Amino acid sequence: MAVKKYKPTSPGRRFMSVSAFEDITRPKPERRLTEHLTTRSRRNNTGSITVRHRGGGHKKTYRMVDFKRQK
């Protein structure tokens, strides 16, 4: 596994290094094991979202993992 080294943009980053997981990570998840997550932002009787900081952002997918599988 390769080691990723950061450029010194701050004193804390100067000697920072982490493991790179490119060789053990798949580029995309299996499509049959993912489903879309619906965003939850409810509206009141006037049609406005009453909870702050909702909306926008990237679409999220949920990866289904079968923990009982033995293989």
Protein backbone atom coordinates (compact mmCIF):
# COMPACT_ATOMS: atom_id res chain seq x y z
CA MET A 1 0.00 0.00 0.00
CA ALA A 2 1.37 3.37 -0.98
CA VAL A 3 1.95 6.28 1.37
CA LYS A 4 0.40 9.63 0.54
CA LYS A 5 2.44 12.67 1.59
CA TYR A 6 0.97 16.15 1.86
CA LYS A 7 2.53 19.40 0.75
CA PRO A 8 3.37 21.76 3.63
CA THR A 9 0.51 24.24 3.45
CA SER A 10 0.60 24.71 7.24
CA PRO A 11 2.95 23.66 10.07
CA GLY A 12 0.68 20.76 10.99
CA ARG A 13 0.60 19.44 7.42
CA ARG A 14 4.36 19.59 6.93
CA PHE A 15 5.19 16.05 8.06
CA MET A 16 1.74 14.52 7.56
CA SER A 17 1.41 11.21 5.72
CA VAL A 18 -1.47 8.73 5.39
CA SER A 19 -2.00 5.38 3.70
CA ALA A 20 -3.42 5.49 0.18
CA PHE A 21 -6.24 2.99 -0.36
CA GLU A 22 -6.43 3.10 -4.18
CA ASP A 23 -5.31 -0.49 -4.65
CA ILE A 24 -7.90 -1.99 -2.28
CA THR A 25 -10.83 0.34 -3.06
CA ARG A 26 -13.15 -0.20 -5.98
CA PRO A 27 -13.80 2.87 -8.12
CA LYS A 28 -17.61 2.55 -8.06
CA PRO A 29 -19.92 0.55 -5.79
CA GLU A 30 -21.91 -2.36 -7.19
CA ARG A 31 -25.01 -0.84 -8.75
CA ARG A 32 -27.41 -3.53 -7.56
CA LEU A 33 -26.33 -2.94 -3.96
CA THR A 34 -27.02 0.80 -3.92
CA GLU A 35 -30.24 2.75 -3.65
CA HIS A 36 -31.01 6.44 -3.52
CA LEU A 37 -31.53 8.28 -0.27
CA THR A 38 -34.40 10.73 -0.29
CA THR A 39 -33.79 14.12 1.26
CA ARG A 40 -36.10 14.94 4.14
CA SER A 41 -37.14 18.55 4.38
CA ARG A 42 -40.76 18.99 5.39
CA ARG A 43 -42.84 22.05 4.68
CA ASN A 44 -45.63 23.76 6.57
CA ASN A 45 -49.03 24.92 5.32
CA THR A 46 -47.52 27.94 3.54
CA GLY A 47 -45.05 25.77 1.64
CA SER A 48 -41.86 26.99 3.25
CA ILE A 49 -39.21 24.73 4.76
CA THR A 50 -39.32 25.43 8.49
CA VAL A 51 -36.10 23.62 9.49
CA ARG A 52 -32.94 25.56 8.69
CA HIS A 53 -29.97 24.39 6.58
CA ARG A 54 -31.91 21.95 4.39
CA GLY A 55 -31.73 21.68 0.62
CA GLY A 56 -29.00 21.71 -1.98
CA GLY A 57 -26.02 19.41 -1.88
CA HIS A 58 -25.06 16.35 -3.88
CA LYS A 59 -27.35 13.36 -4.39
CA LYS A 60 -26.61 10.65 -1.87
CA THR A 61 -26.71 6.89 -2.35
CA TYR A 62 -27.06 4.23 0.32
CA ARG A 63 -24.86 1.17 0.02
CA MET A 64 -26.64 -1.97 1.21
CA VAL A 65 -24.32 -4.38 3.02
CA ASP A 66 -25.35 -7.96 3.81
CA PHE A 67 -23.66 -8.62 7.16
CA LYS A 68 -25.01 -12.20 7.35
CA ARG A 69 -23.21 -13.25 4.17
CA GLN A 70 -20.39 -15.72 4.79
CA LYS A 71 -18.57 -15.42 1.46
